[in-house]
Amino acid sequence: MRIVLLGAPASGKGTQANELCRTFGVPKISTGDMLRAALAAGTPLGKEAERYMNAGQLVPDSVVIGLVEERTAEPDAASGFILDGFPRTVPQAQALGDLLVRKGTPLDAVIQIDVPRELLMERATLRRTDKRTGQIYHLKYNPPPPGAELEHRADDQEETVKKRLDQYDAMTAALLPYYQKLGLLKRVDGVGEPSEVTRRILAALGRQ
């Protein structure tokens, strides 16, 4: 099963990616993880990416696609993968599609986890972290115990969350219609218990 998983911040995408990896026995592949691994290993692509990063520039699509090609060729990805956070643009999606078709392993589906914006805001802005333990709580859904030293992280402040959601909307404005035209896009309701959302995703994939 080869899947691109899309979802706005606080949509539960990370939880669902982990669950799908367990269900299908495939790795989760994210560009951040790939970049860190390539940098640590000092691979040619890693060194090339590092040059751009040290100069404060974005790593070009050609380098990222090269990293995806290397990662998907590893043994643990032989039976598939969950791509998390990539592609972000239509050119990246086209390059990814070309790469996978060339390998004879085209995408099976693109899953978009849909959650209303007001609920995304509520999920993110009401998160609090216990400074002593690092445990994350939610003031509404998972309240902290008495005596917890709570911190409202910068990432979860209202203005920051709004910006991240705006960025996600801008990113997917062209990406979702592109995958819709290819017949790969499956939109799944992301409201409800995580196990319920997982069932919806598996149903959309024909794997109930």
N, C-alpha and C. Protein backbone atom coordinates (compact mmCIF):
# COMPACT_ATOMS: atom_id res chain seq x y z
N MET A 1 0.85 -1.18 0.00
CA MET A 1 0.00 0.00 0.00
C MET A 1 0.89 1.24 0.00
N ARG A 2 0.75 2.06 -1.04
CA ARG A 2 1.55 3.30 -1.16
C ARG A 2 0.59 4.48 -1.08
N ILE A 3 0.72 5.25 -0.02
CA ILE A 3 -0.25 6.30 0.29
C ILE A 3 0.44 7.62 0.57
N VAL A 4 -0.14 8.71 0.07
CA VAL A 4 0.21 10.06 0.54
C VAL A 4 -0.88 10.46 1.53
N LEU A 5 -0.47 10.88 2.73
CA LEU A 5 -1.42 11.26 3.77
C LEU A 5 -1.36 12.76 3.98
N LEU A 6 -2.50 13.42 3.80
CA LEU A 6 -2.58 14.87 3.94
C LEU A 6 -3.54 15.22 5.07
N GLY A 7 -3.23 16.29 5.78
CA GLY A 7 -4.11 16.75 6.85
C GLY A 7 -3.52 17.99 7.48
N ALA A 8 -4.39 18.93 7.83
CA ALA A 8 -3.93 20.19 8.43
C ALA A 8 -3.35 19.94 9.81
N PRO A 9 -2.59 20.90 10.34
CA PRO A 9 -2.12 20.79 11.73
C PRO A 9 -3.31 20.54 12.66
N ALA A 10 -3.15 19.61 13.59
CA ALA A 10 -4.18 19.22 14.58
C ALA A 10 -5.30 18.38 13.98
N SER A 11 -5.10 17.87 12.75
CA SER A 11 -6.13 17.02 12.13
C SER A 11 -6.04 15.58 12.60
N GLY A 12 -4.96 15.24 13.32
CA GLY A 12 -4.78 13.86 13.75
C GLY A 12 -3.99 13.03 12.75
N LYS A 13 -3.35 13.71 11.80
CA LYS A 13 -2.62 13.01 10.73
C LYS A 13 -1.50 12.13 11.27
N GLY A 14 -0.76 12.63 12.26
CA GLY A 14 0.35 11.85 12.81
C GLY A 14 -0.14 10.55 13.44
N THR A 15 -1.23 10.64 14.21
CA THR A 15 -1.81 9.46 14.84
C THR A 15 -2.24 8.45 13.79
N GLN A 16 -2.92 8.95 12.74
CA GLN A 16 -3.41 8.04 11.69
C GLN A 16 -2.26 7.44 10.88
N ALA A 17 -1.21 8.22 10.65
CA ALA A 17 -0.05 7.69 9.91
C ALA A 17 0.55 6.51 10.68
N ASN A 18 0.70 6.67 12.00
CA ASN A 18 1.28 5.59 12.81
C ASN A 18 0.39 4.35 12.78
N GLU A 19 -0.93 4.56 12.84
CA GLU A 19 -1.87 3.43 12.84
C GLU A 19 -1.84 2.70 11.50
N LEU A 20 -1.77 3.46 10.40
CA LEU A 20 -1.73 2.84 9.07
C LEU A 20 -0.42 2.07 8.87
N CYS A 21 0.67 2.61 9.41
CA CYS A 21 1.95 1.90 9.31
C CYS A 21 1.86 0.54 10.00
N ARG A 22 1.23 0.53 11.19
CA ARG A 22 1.07 -0.74 11.91
C ARG A 22 0.16 -1.69 11.13
N THR A 23 -0.93 -1.16 10.60
CA THR A 23 -1.91 -1.99 9.90
C THR A 23 -1.31 -2.65 8.66
N PHE A 24 -0.56 -1.87 7.89
CA PHE A 24 -0.05 -2.38 6.61
C PHE A 24 1.39 -2.89 6.68
N GLY A 25 2.04 -2.67 7.85
CA GLY A 25 3.42 -3.12 7.98
C GLY A 25 4.38 -2.40 7.05
N VAL A 26 4.16 -1.09 6.90
CA VAL A 26 5.01 -0.28 6.03
C VAL A 26 5.55 0.91 6.82
N PRO A 27 6.66 1.53 6.36
CA PRO A 27 7.21 2.66 7.10
C PRO A 27 6.51 3.98 6.79
N LYS A 28 6.58 4.91 7.77
CA LYS A 28 6.16 6.29 7.52
C LYS A 28 7.38 7.04 7.01
N ILE A 29 7.21 7.74 5.91
CA ILE A 29 8.32 8.49 5.34
C ILE A 29 7.97 9.97 5.35
N SER A 30 8.77 10.76 6.06
CA SER A 30 8.57 12.21 6.05
C SER A 30 9.84 12.88 5.57
N THR A 31 9.69 14.01 4.92
CA THR A 31 10.86 14.70 4.37
C THR A 31 11.81 15.12 5.48
N GLY A 32 11.25 15.52 6.64
CA GLY A 32 12.10 15.92 7.76
C GLY A 32 12.98 14.78 8.22
N ASP A 33 12.38 13.60 8.38
CA ASP A 33 13.15 12.42 8.81
C ASP A 33 14.22 12.07 7.77
N MET A 34 13.82 12.13 6.49
CA MET A 34 14.78 11.79 5.42
C MET A 34 15.96 12.74 5.40
N LEU A 35 15.67 14.03 5.54
CA LEU A 35 16.75 15.02 5.53
C LEU A 35 17.70 14.80 6.70
N ARG A 36 17.12 14.58 7.89
CA ARG A 36 17.97 14.37 9.08
C ARG A 36 18.85 13.13 8.90
N ALA A 37 18.27 12.05 8.37
CA ALA A 37 19.02 10.80 8.17
C ALA A 37 20.14 11.00 7.15
N ALA A 38 19.82 11.72 6.05
CA ALA A 38 20.82 11.94 5.00
C ALA A 38 21.95 12.83 5.50
N LEU A 39 21.60 13.83 6.32
CA LEU A 39 22.63 14.71 6.90
C LEU A 39 23.53 13.93 7.85
N ALA A 40 22.89 13.10 8.69
CA ALA A 40 23.66 12.33 9.67
C ALA A 40 24.58 11.33 8.98
N ALA A 41 24.09 10.74 7.87
CA ALA A 41 24.87 9.72 7.17
C ALA A 41 25.91 10.34 6.23
N GLY A 42 25.78 11.64 5.98
CA GLY A 42 26.73 12.32 5.09
C GLY A 42 26.68 11.82 3.66
N THR A 43 25.47 11.43 3.20
CA THR A 43 25.33 10.96 1.81
C THR A 43 25.52 12.14 0.86
N PRO A 44 25.81 11.85 -0.42
CA PRO A 44 25.96 12.95 -1.39
C PRO A 44 24.73 13.87 -1.41
N LEU A 45 23.53 13.27 -1.41
CA LEU A 45 22.32 14.11 -1.41
C LEU A 45 22.19 14.87 -0.09
N GLY A 46 22.60 14.23 1.00
CA GLY A 46 22.57 14.90 2.30
C GLY A 46 23.48 16.11 2.32
N LYS A 47 24.67 15.96 1.74
CA LYS A 47 25.62 17.08 1.70
C LYS A 47 25.09 18.21 0.81
N GLU A 48 24.43 17.81 -0.29
CA GLU A 48 23.88 18.83 -1.18
C GLU A 48 22.76 19.59 -0.47
N ALA A 49 21.90 18.85 0.23
CA ALA A 49 20.81 19.49 0.98
C ALA A 49 21.36 20.43 2.05
N GLU A 50 22.46 19.99 2.70
CA GLU A 50 23.06 20.78 3.78
C GLU A 50 23.57 22.12 3.26
N ARG A 51 24.11 22.12 2.04
CA ARG A 51 24.61 23.38 1.46
C ARG A 51 23.49 24.42 1.37
N TYR A 52 22.33 23.96 0.88
CA TYR A 52 21.19 24.88 0.77
C TYR A 52 20.71 25.33 2.14
N MET A 53 20.62 24.38 3.07
CA MET A 53 20.11 24.71 4.40
C MET A 53 21.03 25.68 5.12
N ASN A 54 22.34 25.48 4.98
CA ASN A 54 23.30 26.38 5.63
C ASN A 54 23.25 27.79 5.06
N ALA A 55 22.80 27.86 3.80
CA ALA A 55 22.68 29.18 3.15
C ALA A 55 21.31 29.80 3.41
N GLY A 56 20.49 29.09 4.23
CA GLY A 56 19.16 29.61 4.55
C GLY A 56 18.18 29.49 3.40
N GLN A 57 18.46 28.57 2.46
CA GLN A 57 17.59 28.40 1.30
C GLN A 57 16.78 27.11 1.41
N LEU A 58 15.67 27.07 0.66
CA LEU A 58 14.88 25.84 0.61
C LEU A 58 15.64 24.77 -0.16
N VAL A 59 15.52 23.54 0.28
CA VAL A 59 16.13 22.42 -0.45
C VAL A 59 15.33 22.22 -1.74
N PRO A 60 15.98 22.22 -2.91
CA PRO A 60 15.24 22.12 -4.18
C PRO A 60 14.49 20.79 -4.30
N ASP A 61 13.40 20.84 -5.08
CA ASP A 61 12.58 19.64 -5.30
C ASP A 61 13.41 18.47 -5.81
N SER A 62 14.39 18.76 -6.69
CA SER A 62 15.18 17.68 -7.29
C SER A 62 15.93 16.89 -6.22
N VAL A 63 16.42 17.59 -5.19
CA VAL A 63 17.15 16.93 -4.10
C VAL A 63 16.17 16.12 -3.24
N VAL A 64 15.01 16.73 -2.93
CA VAL A 64 14.02 16.04 -2.10
C VAL A 64 13.53 14.77 -2.81
N ILE A 65 13.26 14.88 -4.10
CA ILE A 65 12.81 13.71 -4.87
C ILE A 65 13.89 12.63 -4.88
N GLY A 66 15.15 13.07 -4.96
CA GLY A 66 16.26 12.12 -4.89
C GLY A 66 16.27 11.37 -3.56
N LEU A 67 15.99 12.11 -2.48
CA LEU A 67 15.92 11.49 -1.16
C LEU A 67 14.76 10.50 -1.07
N VAL A 68 13.62 10.88 -1.65
CA VAL A 68 12.45 9.99 -1.67
C VAL A 68 12.78 8.72 -2.45
N GLU A 69 13.49 8.89 -3.56
CA GLU A 69 13.86 7.73 -4.37
C GLU A 69 14.76 6.77 -3.58
N GLU A 70 15.74 7.35 -2.87
CA GLU A 70 16.64 6.52 -2.06
C GLU A 70 15.88 5.82 -0.93
N ARG A 71 15.00 6.58 -0.28
CA ARG A 71 14.28 6.02 0.88
C ARG A 71 13.31 4.91 0.47
N THR A 72 12.61 5.12 -0.64
CA THR A 72 11.62 4.12 -1.06
C THR A 72 12.29 2.87 -1.65
N ALA A 73 13.60 2.95 -1.89
CA ALA A 73 14.33 1.78 -2.41
C ALA A 73 14.84 0.89 -1.27
N GLU A 74 14.71 1.37 -0.02
CA GLU A 74 15.18 0.57 1.11
C GLU A 74 14.26 -0.62 1.35
N PRO A 75 14.79 -1.72 1.92
CA PRO A 75 14.03 -2.97 2.05
C PRO A 75 12.70 -2.82 2.79
N ASP A 76 12.67 -1.96 3.84
CA ASP A 76 11.43 -1.88 4.63
C ASP A 76 10.28 -1.23 3.86
N ALA A 77 10.60 -0.57 2.72
CA ALA A 77 9.56 0.07 1.91
C ALA A 77 9.16 -0.78 0.70
N ALA A 78 9.65 -2.01 0.66
CA ALA A 78 9.39 -2.88 -0.50
C ALA A 78 7.90 -3.13 -0.70
N SER A 79 7.14 -3.23 0.41
CA SER A 79 5.72 -3.51 0.26
C SER A 79 4.85 -2.26 0.40
N GLY A 80 5.50 -1.09 0.43
CA GLY A 80 4.74 0.16 0.46
C GLY A 80 5.26 1.14 1.49
N PHE A 81 4.55 2.26 1.64
CA PHE A 81 4.95 3.32 2.57
C PHE A 81 3.80 4.30 2.74
N ILE A 82 3.87 5.07 3.82
CA ILE A 82 2.97 6.19 4.05
C ILE A 82 3.82 7.45 3.93
N LEU A 83 3.54 8.29 2.95
CA LEU A 83 4.28 9.54 2.77
C LEU A 83 3.57 10.64 3.57
N ASP A 84 4.28 11.25 4.50
CA ASP A 84 3.70 12.22 5.41
C ASP A 84 4.37 13.58 5.19
N GLY A 85 3.58 14.57 4.76
CA GLY A 85 4.14 15.91 4.58
C GLY A 85 4.79 16.16 3.23
N PHE A 86 4.65 15.23 2.32
CA PHE A 86 5.19 15.37 0.96
C PHE A 86 4.30 14.55 0.03
N PRO A 87 3.96 15.08 -1.14
CA PRO A 87 4.36 16.38 -1.71
C PRO A 87 3.55 17.54 -1.14
N ARG A 88 4.10 18.74 -1.35
CA ARG A 88 3.43 19.96 -0.89
C ARG A 88 2.93 20.82 -2.05
N THR A 89 3.47 20.57 -3.24
CA THR A 89 3.09 21.37 -4.41
C THR A 89 2.77 20.44 -5.58
N VAL A 90 2.12 20.98 -6.61
CA VAL A 90 1.80 20.17 -7.79
C VAL A 90 3.08 19.72 -8.51
N PRO A 91 4.10 20.59 -8.70
CA PRO A 91 5.34 20.09 -9.32
C PRO A 91 5.96 18.93 -8.55
N GLN A 92 5.93 19.01 -7.21
CA GLN A 92 6.45 17.89 -6.40
C GLN A 92 5.60 16.64 -6.63
N ALA A 93 4.29 16.81 -6.70
CA ALA A 93 3.38 15.68 -6.92
C ALA A 93 3.66 15.04 -8.28
N GLN A 94 3.89 15.88 -9.29
CA GLN A 94 4.18 15.36 -10.63
C GLN A 94 5.51 14.59 -10.63
N ALA A 95 6.52 15.16 -9.98
CA ALA A 95 7.83 14.50 -9.92
C ALA A 95 7.74 13.18 -9.16
N LEU A 96 6.97 13.17 -8.07
CA LEU A 96 6.78 11.95 -7.30
C LEU A 96 6.07 10.89 -8.14
N GLY A 97 5.02 11.31 -8.84
CA GLY A 97 4.28 10.38 -9.69
C GLY A 97 5.16 9.78 -10.77
N ASP A 98 5.97 10.62 -11.41
CA ASP A 98 6.88 10.14 -12.46
C ASP A 98 7.87 9.12 -11.89
N LEU A 99 8.41 9.43 -10.70
CA LEU A 99 9.38 8.54 -10.06
C LEU A 99 8.76 7.18 -9.77
N LEU A 100 7.57 7.18 -9.18
CA LEU A 100 6.94 5.92 -8.77
C LEU A 100 6.49 5.09 -9.97
N VAL A 101 6.02 5.76 -11.02
CA VAL A 101 5.63 5.04 -12.24
C VAL A 101 6.85 4.39 -12.88
N ARG A 102 7.96 5.15 -12.87
CA ARG A 102 9.22 4.63 -13.43
C ARG A 102 9.66 3.37 -12.68
N LYS A 103 9.42 3.36 -11.37
CA LYS A 103 9.80 2.20 -10.54
C LYS A 103 8.77 1.07 -10.64
N GLY A 104 7.64 1.36 -11.29
CA GLY A 104 6.59 0.36 -11.38
C GLY A 104 5.80 0.21 -10.09
N THR A 105 5.84 1.26 -9.25
CA THR A 105 5.15 1.22 -7.96
C THR A 105 4.32 2.50 -7.78
N PRO A 106 3.28 2.70 -8.59
CA PRO A 106 2.51 3.95 -8.50
C PRO A 106 1.74 4.06 -7.18
N LEU A 107 1.32 5.28 -6.86
CA LEU A 107 0.53 5.51 -5.64
C LEU A 107 -0.79 4.76 -5.71
N ASP A 108 -1.22 4.25 -4.55
CA ASP A 108 -2.55 3.63 -4.46
C ASP A 108 -3.61 4.67 -4.14
N ALA A 109 -3.27 5.64 -3.30
CA ALA A 109 -4.28 6.62 -2.89
C ALA A 109 -3.63 7.82 -2.22
N VAL A 110 -4.39 8.92 -2.23
CA VAL A 110 -4.03 10.12 -1.47
C VAL A 110 -5.19 10.37 -0.51
N ILE A 111 -4.90 10.31 0.78
CA ILE A 111 -5.95 10.49 1.81
C ILE A 111 -5.86 11.89 2.38
N GLN A 112 -6.96 12.62 2.31
CA GLN A 112 -7.04 13.94 2.94
C GLN A 112 -7.97 13.81 4.15
N ILE A 113 -7.45 14.10 5.35
CA ILE A 113 -8.25 14.05 6.57
C ILE A 113 -8.91 15.42 6.76
N ASP A 114 -10.23 15.46 6.64
CA ASP A 114 -10.97 16.72 6.72
C ASP A 114 -11.47 16.97 8.13
N VAL A 115 -11.12 18.12 8.68
CA VAL A 115 -11.60 18.56 9.99
C VAL A 115 -11.96 20.03 9.87
N PRO A 116 -13.15 20.45 10.35
CA PRO A 116 -13.53 21.87 10.26
C PRO A 116 -12.50 22.77 10.93
N ARG A 117 -12.31 23.95 10.37
CA ARG A 117 -11.27 24.86 10.87
C ARG A 117 -11.47 25.22 12.35
N GLU A 118 -12.74 25.45 12.75
CA GLU A 118 -12.96 25.85 14.15
C GLU A 118 -12.55 24.74 15.12
N LEU A 119 -12.72 23.48 14.70
CA LEU A 119 -12.31 22.36 15.55
C LEU A 119 -10.79 22.23 15.56
N LEU A 120 -10.14 22.49 14.42
CA LEU A 120 -8.67 22.47 14.38
C LEU A 120 -8.12 23.52 15.34
N MET A 121 -8.74 24.70 15.33
CA MET A 121 -8.30 25.77 16.24
C MET A 121 -8.47 25.33 17.69
N GLU A 122 -9.62 24.73 17.99
CA GLU A 122 -9.88 24.29 19.37
C GLU A 122 -8.88 23.22 19.80
N ARG A 123 -8.63 22.26 18.91
CA ARG A 123 -7.70 21.18 19.24
C ARG A 123 -6.30 21.72 19.53
N ALA A 124 -5.87 22.70 18.73
CA ALA A 124 -4.49 23.19 18.86
C ALA A 124 -4.33 24.20 19.99
N THR A 125 -5.23 25.19 20.05
CA THR A 125 -5.00 26.30 20.99
C THR A 125 -5.27 25.92 22.44
N LEU A 126 -5.99 24.83 22.68
CA LEU A 126 -6.26 24.42 24.07
C LEU A 126 -5.27 23.35 24.55
N ARG A 127 -4.25 23.08 23.75
CA ARG A 127 -3.20 22.15 24.21
C ARG A 127 -2.29 22.85 25.20
N ARG A 128 -1.88 22.11 26.21
CA ARG A 128 -0.93 22.63 27.20
C ARG A 128 0.10 21.55 27.50
N THR A 129 1.32 21.98 27.79
CA THR A 129 2.41 21.05 28.10
C THR A 129 2.82 21.22 29.56
N ASP A 130 3.00 20.08 30.25
CA ASP A 130 3.52 20.13 31.61
C ASP A 130 5.03 20.34 31.52
N LYS A 131 5.48 21.47 32.06
CA LYS A 131 6.90 21.83 31.95
C LYS A 131 7.82 20.81 32.61
N ARG A 132 7.32 20.14 33.64
CA ARG A 132 8.17 19.21 34.39
C ARG A 132 8.30 17.85 33.70
N THR A 133 7.20 17.39 33.08
CA THR A 133 7.20 16.02 32.53
C THR A 133 7.21 15.99 31.00
N GLY A 134 6.85 17.13 30.35
CA GLY A 134 6.76 17.13 28.89
C GLY A 134 5.45 16.53 28.39
N GLN A 135 4.60 16.05 29.31
CA GLN A 135 3.32 15.46 28.94
C GLN A 135 2.41 16.54 28.34
N ILE A 136 1.72 16.17 27.24
CA ILE A 136 0.81 17.13 26.59
C ILE A 136 -0.62 16.82 27.02
N TYR A 137 -1.33 17.87 27.44
CA TYR A 137 -2.73 17.75 27.84
C TYR A 137 -3.60 18.63 26.95
N HIS A 138 -4.92 18.44 27.06
CA HIS A 138 -5.85 19.31 26.36
C HIS A 138 -6.88 19.77 27.37
N LEU A 139 -7.09 21.08 27.47
CA LEU A 139 -7.95 21.62 28.52
C LEU A 139 -9.37 21.09 28.44
N LYS A 140 -9.81 20.70 27.22
CA LYS A 140 -11.18 20.21 27.06
C LYS A 140 -11.25 18.69 27.01
N TYR A 141 -10.36 18.06 26.22
CA TYR A 141 -10.49 16.62 25.96
C TYR A 141 -9.63 15.74 26.88
N ASN A 142 -8.56 16.30 27.40
CA ASN A 142 -7.67 15.51 28.26
C ASN A 142 -7.08 16.44 29.32
N PRO A 143 -7.92 16.87 30.29
CA PRO A 143 -7.48 17.90 31.25
C PRO A 143 -6.29 17.44 32.08
N PRO A 144 -5.43 18.39 32.43
CA PRO A 144 -4.25 18.05 33.25
C PRO A 144 -4.66 17.79 34.70
N PRO A 145 -3.83 17.05 35.42
CA PRO A 145 -4.12 16.80 36.84
C PRO A 145 -3.82 18.06 37.66
N PRO A 146 -4.36 18.14 38.87
CA PRO A 146 -4.04 19.29 39.74
C PRO A 146 -2.53 19.34 39.98
N GLY A 147 -1.99 20.54 39.99
CA GLY A 147 -0.58 20.69 40.31
C GLY A 147 0.35 20.64 39.11
N ALA A 148 -0.19 20.36 37.91
CA ALA A 148 0.67 20.34 36.72
C ALA A 148 1.16 21.76 36.43
N GLU A 149 2.44 21.88 36.04
CA GLU A 149 3.00 23.19 35.68
C GLU A 149 2.82 23.39 34.19
N LEU A 150 1.75 24.06 33.82
CA LEU A 150 1.36 24.12 32.41
C LEU A 150 2.03 25.25 31.65
N GLU A 151 2.34 24.94 30.40
CA GLU A 151 2.95 25.92 29.50
C GLU A 151 2.15 25.91 28.20
N HIS A 152 1.86 27.10 27.67
CA HIS A 152 1.17 27.23 26.39
C HIS A 152 2.24 27.48 25.32
N ARG A 153 2.60 26.42 24.59
CA ARG A 153 3.72 26.53 23.66
C ARG A 153 3.42 27.52 22.53
N ALA A 154 4.48 28.13 21.99
CA ALA A 154 4.33 29.13 20.92
C ALA A 154 3.58 28.55 19.72
N ASP A 155 3.87 27.27 19.41
CA ASP A 155 3.21 26.61 18.27
C ASP A 155 1.70 26.53 18.43
N ASP A 156 1.23 26.56 19.67
CA ASP A 156 -0.20 26.40 19.93
C ASP A 156 -0.92 27.71 20.24
N GLN A 157 -0.20 28.83 20.10
CA GLN A 157 -0.84 30.14 20.29
C GLN A 157 -1.76 30.43 19.10
N GLU A 158 -2.83 31.16 19.34
CA GLU A 158 -3.87 31.35 18.33
C GLU A 158 -3.34 31.91 17.00
N GLU A 159 -2.54 32.98 17.06
CA GLU A 159 -2.06 33.59 15.80
C GLU A 159 -1.18 32.62 15.02
N THR A 160 -0.33 31.86 15.74
CA THR A 160 0.56 30.91 15.07
C THR A 160 -0.26 29.80 14.42
N VAL A 161 -1.27 29.31 15.13
CA VAL A 161 -2.11 28.24 14.58
C VAL A 161 -2.84 28.73 13.33
N LYS A 162 -3.37 29.96 13.39
CA LYS A 162 -4.07 30.52 12.22
C LYS A 162 -3.14 30.57 11.01
N LYS A 163 -1.90 31.02 11.23
CA LYS A 163 -0.93 31.10 10.13
C LYS A 163 -0.64 29.73 9.55
N ARG A 164 -0.47 28.74 10.43
CA ARG A 164 -0.17 27.38 9.95
C ARG A 164 -1.34 26.81 9.15
N LEU A 165 -2.56 27.09 9.60
CA LEU A 165 -3.74 26.60 8.88
C LEU A 165 -3.87 27.32 7.53
N ASP A 166 -3.57 28.62 7.51
CA ASP A 166 -3.60 29.37 6.24
C ASP A 166 -2.57 28.80 5.27
N GLN A 167 -1.39 28.49 5.79
CA GLN A 167 -0.34 27.92 4.93
C GLN A 167 -0.78 26.57 4.37
N TYR A 168 -1.42 25.77 5.20
CA TYR A 168 -1.88 24.46 4.74
C TYR A 168 -2.94 24.62 3.65
N ASP A 169 -3.88 25.54 3.87
CA ASP A 169 -4.94 25.77 2.87
C ASP A 169 -4.35 26.23 1.54
N ALA A 170 -3.34 27.11 1.62
CA ALA A 170 -2.69 27.60 0.40
C ALA A 170 -1.96 26.46 -0.32
N MET A 171 -1.32 25.59 0.48
CA MET A 171 -0.56 24.48 -0.09
C MET A 171 -1.48 23.51 -0.83
N THR A 172 -2.63 23.19 -0.23
CA THR A 172 -3.49 22.15 -0.81
C THR A 172 -4.49 22.70 -1.83
N ALA A 173 -4.54 24.02 -2.00
CA ALA A 173 -5.51 24.61 -2.92
C ALA A 173 -5.39 24.02 -4.32
N ALA A 174 -4.17 23.78 -4.78
CA ALA A 174 -3.97 23.19 -6.11
C ALA A 174 -3.70 21.68 -6.02
N LEU A 175 -3.15 21.24 -4.90
CA LEU A 175 -2.74 19.83 -4.76
C LEU A 175 -3.93 18.88 -4.73
N LEU A 176 -4.98 19.25 -3.97
CA LEU A 176 -6.15 18.37 -3.87
C LEU A 176 -6.87 18.21 -5.22
N PRO A 177 -7.13 19.31 -5.95
CA PRO A 177 -7.75 19.13 -7.28
C PRO A 177 -6.88 18.31 -8.23
N TYR A 178 -5.56 18.45 -8.12
CA TYR A 178 -4.64 17.67 -8.98
C TYR A 178 -4.84 16.18 -8.75
N TYR A 179 -4.85 15.78 -7.48
CA TYR A 179 -5.03 14.35 -7.18
C TYR A 179 -6.47 13.89 -7.44
N GLN A 180 -7.42 14.83 -7.30
CA GLN A 180 -8.82 14.50 -7.62
C GLN A 180 -8.94 14.12 -9.10
N LYS A 181 -8.29 14.90 -9.96
CA LYS A 181 -8.34 14.62 -11.41
C LYS A 181 -7.73 13.27 -11.74
N LEU A 182 -6.71 12.89 -10.99
CA LEU A 182 -6.05 11.60 -11.23
C LEU A 182 -6.85 10.43 -10.66
N GLY A 183 -7.93 10.74 -9.92
CA GLY A 183 -8.74 9.68 -9.33
C GLY A 183 -8.11 9.04 -8.11
N LEU A 184 -7.13 9.72 -7.52
CA LEU A 184 -6.41 9.14 -6.37
C LEU A 184 -6.92 9.68 -5.02
N LEU A 185 -7.61 10.84 -5.05
CA LEU A 185 -7.95 11.53 -3.80
C LEU A 185 -9.14 10.87 -3.10
N LYS A 186 -8.97 10.61 -1.81
CA LYS A 186 -10.06 10.11 -0.98
C LYS A 186 -10.14 11.00 0.25
N ARG A 187 -11.26 11.68 0.41
CA ARG A 187 -11.43 12.59 1.55
C ARG A 187 -12.15 11.84 2.67
N VAL A 188 -11.60 11.97 3.87
CA VAL A 188 -12.12 11.23 5.02
C VAL A 188 -12.46 12.20 6.14
N ASP A 189 -13.63 12.02 6.74
CA ASP A 189 -14.05 12.85 7.87
C ASP A 189 -13.14 12.55 9.06
N GLY A 190 -12.44 13.59 9.55
CA GLY A 190 -11.49 13.40 10.65
C GLY A 190 -12.05 13.74 12.01
N VAL A 191 -13.39 13.92 12.11
CA VAL A 191 -14.00 14.25 13.39
C VAL A 191 -14.43 12.96 14.09
N GLY A 192 -14.06 12.82 15.36
CA GLY A 192 -14.45 11.63 16.12
C GLY A 192 -13.25 10.98 16.77
N GLU A 193 -13.49 9.83 17.39
CA GLU A 193 -12.41 9.09 18.04
C GLU A 193 -11.38 8.64 16.99
N PRO A 194 -10.09 8.61 17.35
CA PRO A 194 -9.06 8.19 16.39
C PRO A 194 -9.35 6.83 15.74
N SER A 195 -9.86 5.88 16.54
CA SER A 195 -10.14 4.53 16.00
C SER A 195 -11.25 4.59 14.94
N GLU A 196 -12.19 5.51 15.14
CA GLU A 196 -13.29 5.69 14.20
C GLU A 196 -12.75 6.26 12.88
N VAL A 197 -11.85 7.24 12.99
CA VAL A 197 -11.25 7.84 11.79
C VAL A 197 -10.43 6.79 11.04
N THR A 198 -9.70 5.95 11.78
CA THR A 198 -8.93 4.87 11.14
C THR A 198 -9.85 3.96 10.34
N ARG A 199 -11.00 3.60 10.93
CA ARG A 199 -11.96 2.74 10.22
C ARG A 199 -12.43 3.38 8.92
N ARG A 200 -12.67 4.70 8.97
CA ARG A 200 -13.11 5.41 7.76
C ARG A 200 -12.03 5.38 6.68
N ILE A 201 -10.77 5.56 7.11
CA ILE A 201 -9.67 5.54 6.15
C ILE A 201 -9.56 4.16 5.51
N LEU A 202 -9.64 3.10 6.32
CA LEU A 202 -9.53 1.75 5.79
C LEU A 202 -10.70 1.46 4.85
N ALA A 203 -11.88 1.97 5.18
CA ALA A 203 -13.04 1.78 4.30
C ALA A 203 -12.81 2.48 2.97
N ALA A 204 -12.24 3.70 3.03
CA ALA A 204 -11.96 4.45 1.79
C ALA A 204 -10.93 3.72 0.92
N LEU A 205 -10.05 2.97 1.59
CA LEU A 205 -9.03 2.20 0.86
C LEU A 205 -9.52 0.80 0.45
N GLY A 206 -10.78 0.49 0.83
CA GLY A 206 -11.32 -0.82 0.51
C GLY A 206 -10.71 -1.92 1.37
N ARG A 207 -10.28 -1.55 2.60
CA ARG A 207 -9.61 -2.51 3.48
C ARG A 207 -10.32 -2.63 4.83
N GLN A 208 -11.63 -2.72 4.83
CA GLN A 208 -12.36 -2.79 6.10
C GLN A 208 -12.07 -4.10 6.83
